PDB file of all heavy atoms in Angstrom:
ATOM      1  N   LYS A   1     112.113 134.501  64.601  1.00  0.00           N
ATOM      2  CA  LYS A   1     112.679 133.178  64.301  1.00  0.00           C
ATOM      3  C   LYS A   1     114.165 133.273  63.951  1.00  0.00           C
ATOM      4  O   LYS A   1     114.959 132.399  64.337  1.00  0.00           O
ATOM      5  CB  LYS A   1     111.906 132.558  63.136  1.00  0.00           C
ATOM      6  CG  LYS A   1     112.308 131.134  62.787  1.00  0.00           C
ATOM      7  CD  LYS A   1     111.915 130.168  63.892  1.00  0.00           C
ATOM      8  CE  LYS A   1     111.968 128.709  63.439  1.00  0.00           C
ATOM      9  NZ  LYS A   1     113.238 128.285  62.867  1.00  0.00           N
ATOM     10  N   SER A   2     114.560 134.315  63.236  1.00  0.00           N
ATOM     11  CA  SER A   2     115.968 134.429  62.855  1.00  0.00           C
ATOM     12  C   SER A   2     116.849 134.667  64.075  1.00  0.00           C
ATOM     13  O   SER A   2     118.001 134.207  64.131  1.00  0.00           O
ATOM     14  CB  SER A   2     116.158 135.547  61.820  1.00  0.00           C
ATOM     15  OG  SER A   2     115.769 136.799  62.352  1.00  0.00           O
ATOM     16  N   ALA A   3     116.326 135.387  65.092  1.00  0.00           N
ATOM     17  CA  ALA A   3     117.089 135.592  66.322  1.00  0.00           C
ATOM     18  C   ALA A   3     117.266 134.270  67.064  1.00  0.00           C
ATOM     19  O   ALA A   3     118.346 133.975  67.592  1.00  0.00           O
ATOM     20  CB  ALA A   3     116.393 136.619  67.212  1.00  0.00           C
ATOM     21  N   ILE A   4     116.206 133.474  67.112  1.00  0.00           N
ATOM     22  CA  ILE A   4     116.289 132.164  67.761  1.00  0.00           C
ATOM     23  C   ILE A   4     117.314 131.290  67.058  1.00  0.00           C
ATOM     24  O   ILE A   4     118.165 130.648  67.692  1.00  0.00           O
ATOM     25  CB  ILE A   4     114.897 131.494  67.774  1.00  0.00           C
ATOM     26  CG1 ILE A   4     114.000 132.187  68.804  1.00  0.00           C
ATOM     27  CG2 ILE A   4     115.010 130.000  68.068  1.00  0.00           C
ATOM     28  CD1 ILE A   4     112.589 131.650  68.858  1.00  0.00           C
ATOM     29  N   ASP A   5     117.255 131.277  65.730  1.00  0.00           N
ATOM     30  CA  ASP A   5     118.217 130.479  64.962  1.00  0.00           C
ATOM     31  C   ASP A   5     119.646 130.962  65.204  1.00  0.00           C
ATOM     32  O   ASP A   5     120.582 130.149  65.297  1.00  0.00           O
ATOM     33  CB  ASP A   5     117.887 130.548  63.475  1.00  0.00           C
ATOM     34  CG  ASP A   5     116.602 129.810  63.122  1.00  0.00           C
ATOM     35  OD1 ASP A   5     116.151 128.989  63.948  1.00  0.00           O
ATOM     36  OD2 ASP A   5     116.058 130.062  62.033  1.00  0.00           O
ATOM     37  N   SER A   6     119.818 132.279  65.303  1.00  0.00           N
ATOM     38  CA  SER A   6     121.164 132.832  65.517  1.00  0.00           C
ATOM     39  C   SER A   6     121.707 132.437  66.882  1.00  0.00           C
ATOM     40  O   SER A   6     122.887 132.075  67.011  1.00  0.00           O
ATOM     41  CB  SER A   6     121.130 134.363  65.397  1.00  0.00           C
ATOM     42  OG  SER A   6     120.823 134.757  64.079  1.00  0.00           O
ATOM     43  N   PHE A   7     120.873 132.520  67.917  1.00  0.00           N
ATOM     44  CA  PHE A   7     121.342 132.124  69.246  1.00  0.00           C
ATOM     45  C   PHE A   7     121.747 130.659  69.247  1.00  0.00           C
ATOM     46  O   PHE A   7     122.821 130.300  69.754  1.00  0.00           O
ATOM     47  CB  PHE A   7     120.279 132.371  70.312  1.00  0.00           C
ATOM     48  CG  PHE A   7     120.738 131.983  71.690  1.00  0.00           C
ATOM     49  CD1 PHE A   7     121.452 132.881  72.471  1.00  0.00           C
ATOM     50  CD2 PHE A   7     120.523 130.704  72.185  1.00  0.00           C
ATOM     51  CE1 PHE A   7     121.922 132.523  73.733  1.00  0.00           C
ATOM     52  CE2 PHE A   7     120.990 130.329  73.446  1.00  0.00           C
ATOM     53  CZ  PHE A   7     121.687 131.244  74.211  1.00  0.00           C
ATOM     54  N   LEU A   8     120.888 129.805  68.712  1.00  0.00           N
ATOM     55  CA  LEU A   8     121.186 128.373  68.717  1.00  0.00           C
ATOM     56  C   LEU A   8     122.424 128.065  67.894  1.00  0.00           C
ATOM     57  O   LEU A   8     123.223 127.188  68.270  1.00  0.00           O
ATOM     58  CB  LEU A   8     119.977 127.594  68.183  1.00  0.00           C
ATOM     59  CG  LEU A   8     118.742 127.602  69.088  1.00  0.00           C
ATOM     60  CD1 LEU A   8     117.582 126.875  68.417  1.00  0.00           C
ATOM     61  CD2 LEU A   8     119.048 126.976  70.443  1.00  0.00           C
ATOM     62  N   GLN A   9     122.605 128.766  66.791  1.00  0.00           N
ATOM     63  CA  GLN A   9     123.811 128.567  65.983  1.00  0.00           C
ATOM     64  C   GLN A   9     125.062 128.864  66.811  1.00  0.00           C
ATOM     65  O   GLN A   9     126.015 128.081  66.822  1.00  0.00           O
ATOM     66  CB  GLN A   9     123.771 129.473  64.751  1.00  0.00           C
ATOM     67  CG  GLN A   9     125.010 129.363  63.868  1.00  0.00           C
ATOM     68  CD  GLN A   9     125.012 130.377  62.737  1.00  0.00           C
ATOM     69  OE1 GLN A   9     123.993 130.972  62.401  1.00  0.00           O
ATOM     70  NE2 GLN A   9     126.171 130.599  62.133  1.00  0.00           N
ATOM     71  N   GLY A  10     125.051 130.010  67.507  1.00  0.00           N
ATOM     72  CA  GLY A  10     126.204 130.372  68.320  1.00  0.00           C
ATOM     73  C   GLY A  10     126.407 129.421  69.485  1.00  0.00           C
ATOM     74  O   GLY A  10     127.539 129.005  69.763  1.00  0.00           O
ATOM     75  N   TYR A  11     125.333 129.057  70.157  1.00  0.00           N
ATOM     76  CA  TYR A  11     125.426 128.223  71.349  1.00  0.00           C
ATOM     77  C   TYR A  11     125.924 126.822  71.000  1.00  0.00           C
ATOM     78  O   TYR A  11     126.888 126.320  71.599  1.00  0.00           O
ATOM     79  CB  TYR A  11     124.056 128.147  72.031  1.00  0.00           C
ATOM     80  CG  TYR A  11     124.108 127.645  73.452  1.00  0.00           C
ATOM     81  CD1 TYR A  11     124.265 128.531  74.515  1.00  0.00           C
ATOM     82  CD2 TYR A  11     123.994 126.294  73.749  1.00  0.00           C
ATOM     83  CE1 TYR A  11     124.316 128.083  75.830  1.00  0.00           C
ATOM     84  CE2 TYR A  11     124.050 125.830  75.046  1.00  0.00           C
ATOM     85  CZ  TYR A  11     124.202 126.740  76.093  1.00  0.00           C
ATOM     86  OH  TYR A  11     124.254 126.277  77.396  1.00  0.00           O
ATOM     87  N   VAL A  12     125.277 126.199  70.012  1.00  0.00           N
ATOM     88  CA  VAL A  12     125.610 124.810  69.675  1.00  0.00           C
ATOM     89  C   VAL A  12     126.990 124.717  69.027  1.00  0.00           C
ATOM     90  O   VAL A  12     127.700 123.718  69.202  1.00  0.00           O
ATOM     91  CB  VAL A  12     124.517 124.206  68.770  1.00  0.00           C
ATOM     92  CG1 VAL A  12     124.904 122.811  68.301  1.00  0.00           C
ATOM     93  CG2 VAL A  12     123.182 124.151  69.520  1.00  0.00           C
ATOM     94  N   SER A  13     127.401 125.763  68.303  1.00  0.00           N
ATOM     95  CA  SER A  13     128.730 125.721  67.678  1.00  0.00           C
ATOM     96  C   SER A  13     129.838 125.620  68.715  1.00  0.00           C
ATOM     97  O   SER A  13     130.911 125.075  68.452  1.00  0.00           O
ATOM     98  CB  SER A  13     128.938 126.971  66.807  1.00  0.00           C
ATOM     99  OG  SER A  13     129.078 128.137  67.612  1.00  0.00           O
ATOM    100  N   VAL A  14     129.586 126.131  69.922  1.00  0.00           N
ATOM    101  CA  VAL A  14     130.597 126.136  70.987  1.00  0.00           C
ATOM    102  C   VAL A  14     130.536 124.869  71.830  1.00  0.00           C
ATOM    103  O   VAL A  14     131.563 124.249  72.132  1.00  0.00           O
ATOM    104  CB  VAL A  14     130.431 127.382  71.883  1.00  0.00           C
ATOM    105  CG1 VAL A  14     131.308 127.272  73.136  1.00  0.00           C
ATOM    106  CG2 VAL A  14     130.772 128.644  71.109  1.00  0.00           C
ATOM    107  N   ILE A  15     129.341 124.460  72.202  1.00  0.00           N
ATOM    108  CA  ILE A  15     129.216 123.386  73.199  1.00  0.00           C
ATOM    109  C   ILE A  15     128.509 122.149  72.661  1.00  0.00           C
ATOM    110  O   ILE A  15     128.344 121.157  73.374  1.00  0.00           O
ATOM    111  CB  ILE A  15     128.489 123.919  74.453  1.00  0.00           C
ATOM    112  CG1 ILE A  15     128.809 123.059  75.673  1.00  0.00           C
ATOM    113  CG2 ILE A  15     126.985 124.043  74.206  1.00  0.00           C
ATOM    114  CD1 ILE A  15     128.311 123.640  76.981  1.00  0.00           C
ATOM    115  N   GLY A  16     128.119 122.188  71.395  1.00  0.00           N
ATOM    116  CA  GLY A  16     127.349 121.081  70.824  1.00  0.00           C
ATOM    117  C   GLY A  16     128.007 119.729  70.952  1.00  0.00           C
ATOM    118  O   GLY A  16     127.337 118.715  71.196  1.00  0.00           O
ATOM    119  N   GLU A  17     129.324 119.679  70.812  1.00  0.00           N
ATOM    120  CA  GLU A  17     130.021 118.395  70.889  1.00  0.00           C
ATOM    121  C   GLU A  17     129.944 117.782  72.282  1.00  0.00           C
ATOM    122  O   GLU A  17     130.173 116.575  72.451  1.00  0.00           O
ATOM    123  CB  GLU A  17     131.482 118.570  70.474  1.00  0.00           C
ATOM    124  CG  GLU A  17     132.290 119.479  71.390  1.00  0.00           C
ATOM    125  CD  GLU A  17     133.734 119.614  70.932  1.00  0.00           C
ATOM    126  OE1 GLU A  17     134.261 118.655  70.330  1.00  0.00           O
ATOM    127  OE2 GLU A  17     134.340 120.676  71.183  1.00  0.00           O
ATOM    128  N   HIS A  18     129.639 118.595  73.289  1.00  0.00           N
ATOM    129  CA  HIS A  18     129.533 118.099  74.660  1.00  0.00           C
ATOM    130  C   HIS A  18     128.081 117.784  75.047  1.00  0.00           C
ATOM    131  O   HIS A  18     127.849 117.278  76.150  1.00  0.00           O
ATOM    132  CB  HIS A  18     130.091 119.130  75.638  1.00  0.00           C
ATOM    133  CG  HIS A  18     131.551 119.414  75.445  1.00  0.00           C
ATOM    134  ND1 HIS A  18     132.544 118.599  75.927  1.00  0.00           N
ATOM    135  CD2 HIS A  18     132.184 120.435  74.812  1.00  0.00           C
ATOM    136  CE1 HIS A  18     133.733 119.098  75.606  1.00  0.00           C
ATOM    137  NE2 HIS A  18     133.538 120.221  74.930  1.00  0.00           N
ATOM    138  N   MET A  19     127.132 118.111  74.179  1.00  0.00           N
ATOM    139  CA  MET A  19     125.724 117.889  74.496  1.00  0.00           C
ATOM    140  C   MET A  19     125.305 116.456  74.181  1.00  0.00           C
ATOM    141  O   MET A  19     125.750 115.867  73.188  1.00  0.00           O
ATOM    142  CB  MET A  19     124.838 118.871  73.724  1.00  0.00           C
ATOM    143  CG  MET A  19     125.038 120.323  74.095  1.00  0.00           C
ATOM    144  SD  MET A  19     123.988 121.462  73.131  1.00  0.00           S
ATOM    145  CE  MET A  19     122.354 121.056  73.808  1.00  0.00           C
ATOM    146  N   THR A  20     124.453 115.902  75.011  1.00  0.00           N
ATOM    147  CA  THR A  20     123.917 114.565  74.754  1.00  0.00           C
ATOM    148  C   THR A  20     122.801 114.657  73.710  1.00  0.00           C
ATOM    149  O   THR A  20     122.263 115.736  73.428  1.00  0.00           O
ATOM    150  CB  THR A  20     123.341 113.951  76.035  1.00  0.00           C
ATOM    151  OG1 THR A  20     122.191 114.719  76.452  1.00  0.00           O
ATOM    152  CG2 THR A  20     124.375 113.942  77.159  1.00  0.00           C
ATOM    153  N   SER A  21     122.435 113.520  73.158  1.00  0.00           N
ATOM    154  CA  SER A  21     121.346 113.493  72.174  1.00  0.00           C
ATOM    155  C   SER A  21     120.035 113.933  72.811  1.00  0.00           C
ATOM    156  O   SER A  21     119.210 114.584  72.160  1.00  0.00           O
ATOM    157  CB  SER A  21     121.210 112.082  71.586  1.00  0.00           C
ATOM    158  OG  SER A  21     120.947 111.131  72.616  1.00  0.00           O
ATOM    159  N   GLU A  22     119.855 113.615  74.105  1.00  0.00           N
ATOM    160  CA  GLU A  22     118.624 114.022  74.793  1.00  0.00           C
ATOM    161  C   GLU A  22     118.574 115.540  74.979  1.00  0.00           C
ATOM    162  O   GLU A  22     117.510 116.150  74.848  1.00  0.00           O
ATOM    163  CB  GLU A  22     118.516 113.328  76.149  1.00  0.00           C
ATOM    164  CG  GLU A  22     118.237 111.832  76.091  1.00  0.00           C
ATOM    165  CD  GLU A  22     119.517 111.016  75.945  1.00  0.00           C
ATOM    166  OE1 GLU A  22     120.606 111.612  75.836  1.00  0.00           O
ATOM    167  OE2 GLU A  22     119.419 109.772  75.940  1.00  0.00           O
ATOM    168  N   GLU A  23     119.706 116.156  75.290  1.00  0.00           N
ATOM    169  CA  GLU A  23     119.737 117.608  75.416  1.00  0.00           C
ATOM    170  C   GLU A  23     119.369 118.267  74.089  1.00  0.00           C
ATOM    171  O   GLU A  23     118.582 119.228  74.049  1.00  0.00           O
ATOM    172  CB  GLU A  23     121.130 118.067  75.879  1.00  0.00           C
ATOM    173  CG  GLU A  23     121.399 117.787  77.347  1.00  0.00           C
ATOM    174  CD  GLU A  23     122.821 118.108  77.743  1.00  0.00           C
ATOM    175  OE1 GLU A  23     123.757 117.787  76.970  1.00  0.00           O
ATOM    176  OE2 GLU A  23     123.013 118.663  78.842  1.00  0.00           O
ATOM    177  N   LYS A  24     119.918 117.772  73.004  1.00  0.00           N
ATOM    178  CA  LYS A  24     119.608 118.328  71.691  1.00  0.00           C
ATOM    179  C   LYS A  24     118.137 118.097  71.333  1.00  0.00           C
ATOM    180  O   LYS A  24     117.488 118.957  70.731  1.00  0.00           O
ATOM    181  CB  LYS A  24     120.522 117.724  70.636  1.00  0.00           C
ATOM    182  CG  LYS A  24     121.981 118.134  70.803  1.00  0.00           C
ATOM    183  CD  LYS A  24     122.877 117.454  69.776  1.00  0.00           C
ATOM    184  CE  LYS A  24     124.333 117.884  69.964  1.00  0.00           C
ATOM    185  NZ  LYS A  24     125.261 117.208  69.022  1.00  0.00           N
ATOM    186  N   GLU A  25     117.618 116.946  71.724  1.00  0.00           N
ATOM    187  CA  GLU A  25     116.220 116.625  71.440  1.00  0.00           C
ATOM    188  C   GLU A  25     115.259 117.582  72.148  1.00  0.00           C
ATOM    189  O   GLU A  25     114.183 117.899  71.640  1.00  0.00           O
ATOM    190  CB  GLU A  25     115.938 115.176  71.882  1.00  0.00           C
ATOM    191  CG  GLU A  25     114.520 114.709  71.625  1.00  0.00           C
ATOM    192  CD  GLU A  25     114.269 113.329  72.219  1.00  0.00           C
ATOM    193  OE1 GLU A  25     115.251 112.628  72.553  1.00  0.00           O
ATOM    194  OE2 GLU A  25     113.082 112.962  72.354  1.00  0.00           O
ATOM    195  N   MET A  26     115.653 118.063  73.309  1.00  0.00           N
ATOM    196  CA  MET A  26     114.779 118.924  74.105  1.00  0.00           C
ATOM    197  C   MET A  26     114.908 120.410  73.776  1.00  0.00           C
ATOM    198  O   MET A  26     114.153 121.226  74.311  1.00  0.00           O
ATOM    199  CB  MET A  26     115.055 118.715  75.597  1.00  0.00           C
ATOM    200  CG  MET A  26     114.602 117.382  76.148  1.00  0.00           C
ATOM    201  SD  MET A  26     112.792 117.160  76.116  1.00  0.00           S
ATOM    202  CE  MET A  26     112.618 116.031  74.699  1.00  0.00           C
ATOM    203  N   ILE A  27     115.812 120.778  72.887  1.00  0.00           N
ATOM    204  CA  ILE A  27     115.978 122.194  72.545  1.00  0.00           C
ATOM    205  C   ILE A  27     114.665 122.836  72.089  1.00  0.00           C
ATOM    206  O   ILE A  27     114.344 123.957  72.519  1.00  0.00           O
ATOM    207  CB  ILE A  27     117.095 122.377  71.497  1.00  0.00           C
ATOM    208  CG1 ILE A  27     118.468 122.179  72.152  1.00  0.00           C
ATOM    209  CG2 ILE A  27     117.025 123.769  70.865  1.00  0.00           C
ATOM    210  CD1 ILE A  27     119.635 122.261  71.182  1.00  0.00           C
ATOM    211  N   PRO A  28     113.856 122.195  71.233  1.00  0.00           N
ATOM    212  CA  PRO A  28     112.602 122.840  70.810  1.00  0.00           C
ATOM    213  C   PRO A  28     111.629 123.103  71.962  1.00  0.00           C
ATOM    214  O   PRO A  28     110.755 123.973  71.842  1.00  0.00           O
ATOM    215  CB  PRO A  28     112.005 121.828  69.820  1.00  0.00           C
ATOM    216  CG  PRO A  28     113.179 121.063  69.309  1.00  0.00           C
ATOM    217  CD  PRO A  28     114.110 120.951  70.484  1.00  0.00           C
ATOM    218  N   TYR A  29     111.776 122.383  73.061  1.00  0.00           N
ATOM    219  CA  TYR A  29     110.905 122.595  74.227  1.00  0.00           C
ATOM    220  C   TYR A  29     111.446 123.677  75.162  1.00  0.00           C
ATOM    221  O   TYR A  29     110.731 124.151  76.045  1.00  0.00           O
ATOM    222  CB  TYR A  29     110.788 121.301  75.034  1.00  0.00           C
ATOM    223  CG  TYR A  29     109.961 120.212  74.404  1.00  0.00           C
ATOM    224  CD1 TYR A  29     110.536 119.288  73.541  1.00  0.00           C
ATOM    225  CD2 TYR A  29     108.596 120.093  74.673  1.00  0.00           C
ATOM    226  CE1 TYR A  29     109.788 118.264  72.964  1.00  0.00           C
ATOM    227  CE2 TYR A  29     107.834 119.078  74.102  1.00  0.00           C
ATOM    228  CZ  TYR A  29     108.441 118.170  73.247  1.00  0.00           C
ATOM    229  OH  TYR A  29     107.693 117.175  72.684  1.00  0.00           O
ATOM    230  N   SER A  30     112.706 124.031  74.994  1.00  0.00           N
ATOM    231  CA  SER A  30     113.379 124.840  76.016  1.00  0.00           C
ATOM    232  C   SER A  30     112.753 126.216  76.209  1.00  0.00           C
ATOM    233  O   SER A  30     112.547 126.656  77.346  1.00  0.00           O
ATOM    234  CB  SER A  30     114.872 124.980  75.674  1.00  0.00           C
ATOM    235  OG  SER A  30     115.048 125.677  74.451  1.00  0.00           O
ATOM    236  N   GLY A  31     112.464 126.922  75.120  1.00  0.00           N
ATOM    237  CA  GLY A  31     111.859 128.248  75.239  1.00  0.00           C
ATOM    238  C   GLY A  31     110.466 128.190  75.830  1.00  0.00           C
ATOM    239  O   GLY A  31     110.072 129.069  76.611  1.00  0.00           O
ATOM    240  N   ILE A  32     109.719 127.161  75.469  1.00  0.00           N
ATOM    241  CA  ILE A  32     108.373 126.975  76.038  1.00  0.00           C
ATOM    242  C   ILE A  32     108.488 126.722  77.532  1.00  0.00           C
ATOM    243  O   ILE A  32     107.741 127.296  78.343  1.00  0.00           O
ATOM    244  CB  ILE A  32     107.656 125.783  75.367  1.00  0.00           C
ATOM    245  CG1 ILE A  32     107.749 125.861  73.845  1.00  0.00           C
ATOM    246  CG2 ILE A  32     106.194 125.722  75.807  1.00  0.00           C
ATOM    247  CD1 ILE A  32     107.317 124.580  73.139  1.00  0.00           C
ATOM    248  N   TYR A  33     109.421 125.860  77.907  1.00  0.00           N
ATOM    249  CA  TYR A  33     109.615 125.482  79.308  1.00  0.00           C
ATOM    250  C   TYR A  33     109.899 126.708  80.168  1.00  0.00           C
ATOM    251  O   TYR A  33     109.247 126.928  81.203  1.00  0.00           O
ATOM    252  CB  TYR A  33     110.771 124.485  79.395  1.00  0.00           C
ATOM    253  CG  TYR A  33     111.028 123.904  80.767  1.00  0.00           C
ATOM    254  CD1 TYR A  33     110.458 122.689  81.139  1.00  0.00           C
ATOM    255  CD2 TYR A  33     111.851 124.552  81.688  1.00  0.00           C
ATOM    256  CE1 TYR A  33     110.704 122.134  82.394  1.00  0.00           C
ATOM    257  CE2 TYR A  33     112.098 124.018  82.939  1.00  0.00           C
ATOM    258  CZ  TYR A  33     111.522 122.807  83.291  1.00  0.00           C
ATOM    259  OH  TYR A  33     111.757 122.279  84.540  1.00  0.00           O
ATOM    260  N   MET A  34     110.849 127.525  79.742  1.00  0.00           N
ATOM    261  CA  MET A  34     111.231 128.667  80.564  1.00  0.00           C
ATOM    262  C   MET A  34     110.173 129.776  80.527  1.00  0.00           C
ATOM    263  O   MET A  34     109.962 130.472  81.529  1.00  0.00           O
ATOM    264  CB  MET A  34     112.593 129.200  80.120  1.00  0.00           C
ATOM    265  CG  MET A  34     113.751 128.262  80.460  1.00  0.00           C
ATOM    266  SD  MET A  34     113.824 127.815  82.219  1.00  0.00           S
ATOM    267  CE  MET A  34     113.962 129.432  82.976  1.00  0.00           C
ATOM    268  N   SER A  35     109.495 129.959  79.405  1.00  0.00           N
ATOM    269  CA  SER A  35     108.410 130.944  79.355  1.00  0.00           C
ATOM    270  C   SER A  35     107.269 130.521  80.270  1.00  0.00           C
ATOM    271  O   SER A  35     106.680 131.352  80.975  1.00  0.00           O
ATOM    272  CB  SER A  35     107.896 131.105  77.920  1.00  0.00           C
ATOM    273  OG  SER A  35     108.910 131.541  77.057  1.00  0.00           O
ATOM    274  N   ALA A  36     106.951 129.223  80.269  1.00  0.00           N
ATOM    275  CA  ALA A  36     105.890 128.715  81.137  1.00  0.00           C
ATOM    276  C   ALA A  36     106.261 128.889  82.610  1.00  0.00           C
ATOM    277  O   ALA A  36     105.438 129.331  83.423  1.00  0.00           O
ATOM    278  CB  ALA A  36     105.615 127.244  80.827  1.00  0.00           C
ATOM    279  N   ILE A  37     107.493 128.555  82.956  1.00  0.00           N
ATOM    280  CA  ILE A  37     107.933 128.716  84.352  1.00  0.00           C
ATOM    281  C   ILE A  37     107.800 130.164  84.791  1.00  0.00           C
ATOM    282  O   ILE A  37     107.296 130.465  85.883  1.00  0.00           O
ATOM    283  CB  ILE A  37     109.391 128.235  84.522  1.00  0.00           C
ATOM    284  CG1 ILE A  37     109.408 126.740  84.819  1.00  0.00           C
ATOM    285  CG2 ILE A  37     110.100 128.984  85.644  1.00  0.00           C
ATOM    286  CD1 ILE A  37     110.709 126.202  85.330  1.00  0.00           C
ATOM    287  N   MET A  38     108.244 131.084  83.951  1.00  0.00           N
ATOM    288  CA  MET A  38     108.147 132.501  84.325  1.00  0.00           C
ATOM    289  C   MET A  38     106.694 132.936  84.402  1.00  0.00           C
ATOM    290  O   MET A  38     106.312 133.710  85.299  1.00  0.00           O
ATOM    291  CB  MET A  38     108.924 133.361  83.326  1.00  0.00           C
ATOM    292  CG  MET A  38     110.425 133.131  83.341  1.00  0.00           C
ATOM    293  SD  MET A  38     111.170 133.210  84.997  1.00  0.00           S
ATOM    294  CE  MET A  38     110.743 134.881  85.499  1.00  0.00           C
ATOM    295  N   GLY A  39     105.864 132.443  83.499  1.00  0.00           N
ATOM    296  CA  GLY A  39     104.434 132.747  83.583  1.00  0.00           C
ATOM    297  C   GLY A  39     103.830 132.247  84.875  1.00  0.00           C
ATOM    298  O   GLY A  39     103.062 132.958  85.548  1.00  0.00           O
ATOM    299  N   TYR A  40     104.163 131.004  85.257  1.00  0.00           N
ATOM    300  CA  TYR A  40     103.679 130.449  86.529  1.00  0.00           C
ATOM    301  C   TYR A  40     104.134 131.301  87.709  1.00  0.00           C
ATOM    302  O   TYR A  40     103.354 131.605  88.619  1.00  0.00           O
ATOM    303  CB  TYR A  40     104.216 129.022  86.730  1.00  0.00           C
ATOM    304  CG  TYR A  40     103.704 127.968  85.785  1.00  0.00           C
ATOM    305  CD1 TYR A  40     104.229 126.684  85.812  1.00  0.00           C
ATOM    306  CD2 TYR A  40     102.701 128.237  84.845  1.00  0.00           C
ATOM    307  CE1 TYR A  40     103.784 125.690  84.951  1.00  0.00           C
ATOM    308  CE2 TYR A  40     102.259 127.249  83.986  1.00  0.00           C
ATOM    309  CZ  TYR A  40     102.796 125.979  84.038  1.00  0.00           C
ATOM    310  OH  TYR A  40     102.357 124.998  83.188  1.00  0.00           O
ATOM    311  N   ARG A  41     105.409 131.670  87.700  1.00  0.00           N
ATOM    312  CA  ARG A  41     105.965 132.398  88.841  1.00  0.00           C
ATOM    313  C   ARG A  41     105.366 133.800  88.967  1.00  0.00           C
ATOM    314  O   ARG A  41     105.045 134.255  90.061  1.00  0.00           O
ATOM    315  CB  ARG A  41     107.483 132.462  88.728  1.00  0.00           C
ATOM    316  CG  ARG A  41     108.168 131.110  88.865  1.00  0.00           C
ATOM    317  CD  ARG A  41     109.672 131.229  88.733  1.00  0.00           C
ATOM    318  NE  ARG A  41     110.216 132.031  89.819  1.00  0.00           N
ATOM    319  CZ  ARG A  41     111.455 132.519  89.833  1.00  0.00           C
ATOM    320  NH1 ARG A  41     112.250 132.303  88.797  1.00  0.00           N
ATOM    321  NH2 ARG A  41     111.887 133.216  90.854  1.00  0.00           N
TER     322      ARG A  41
END
């Protein structure tokens, strides 16, 4: 969990001001989404 928090801290600190509210809302789904896609593939 601390690694996830660290990545998001670094990522959002740089580009957060350019992100839409919907993009920020979907962040909690993002890791699930990409893990599922890779599992499917």
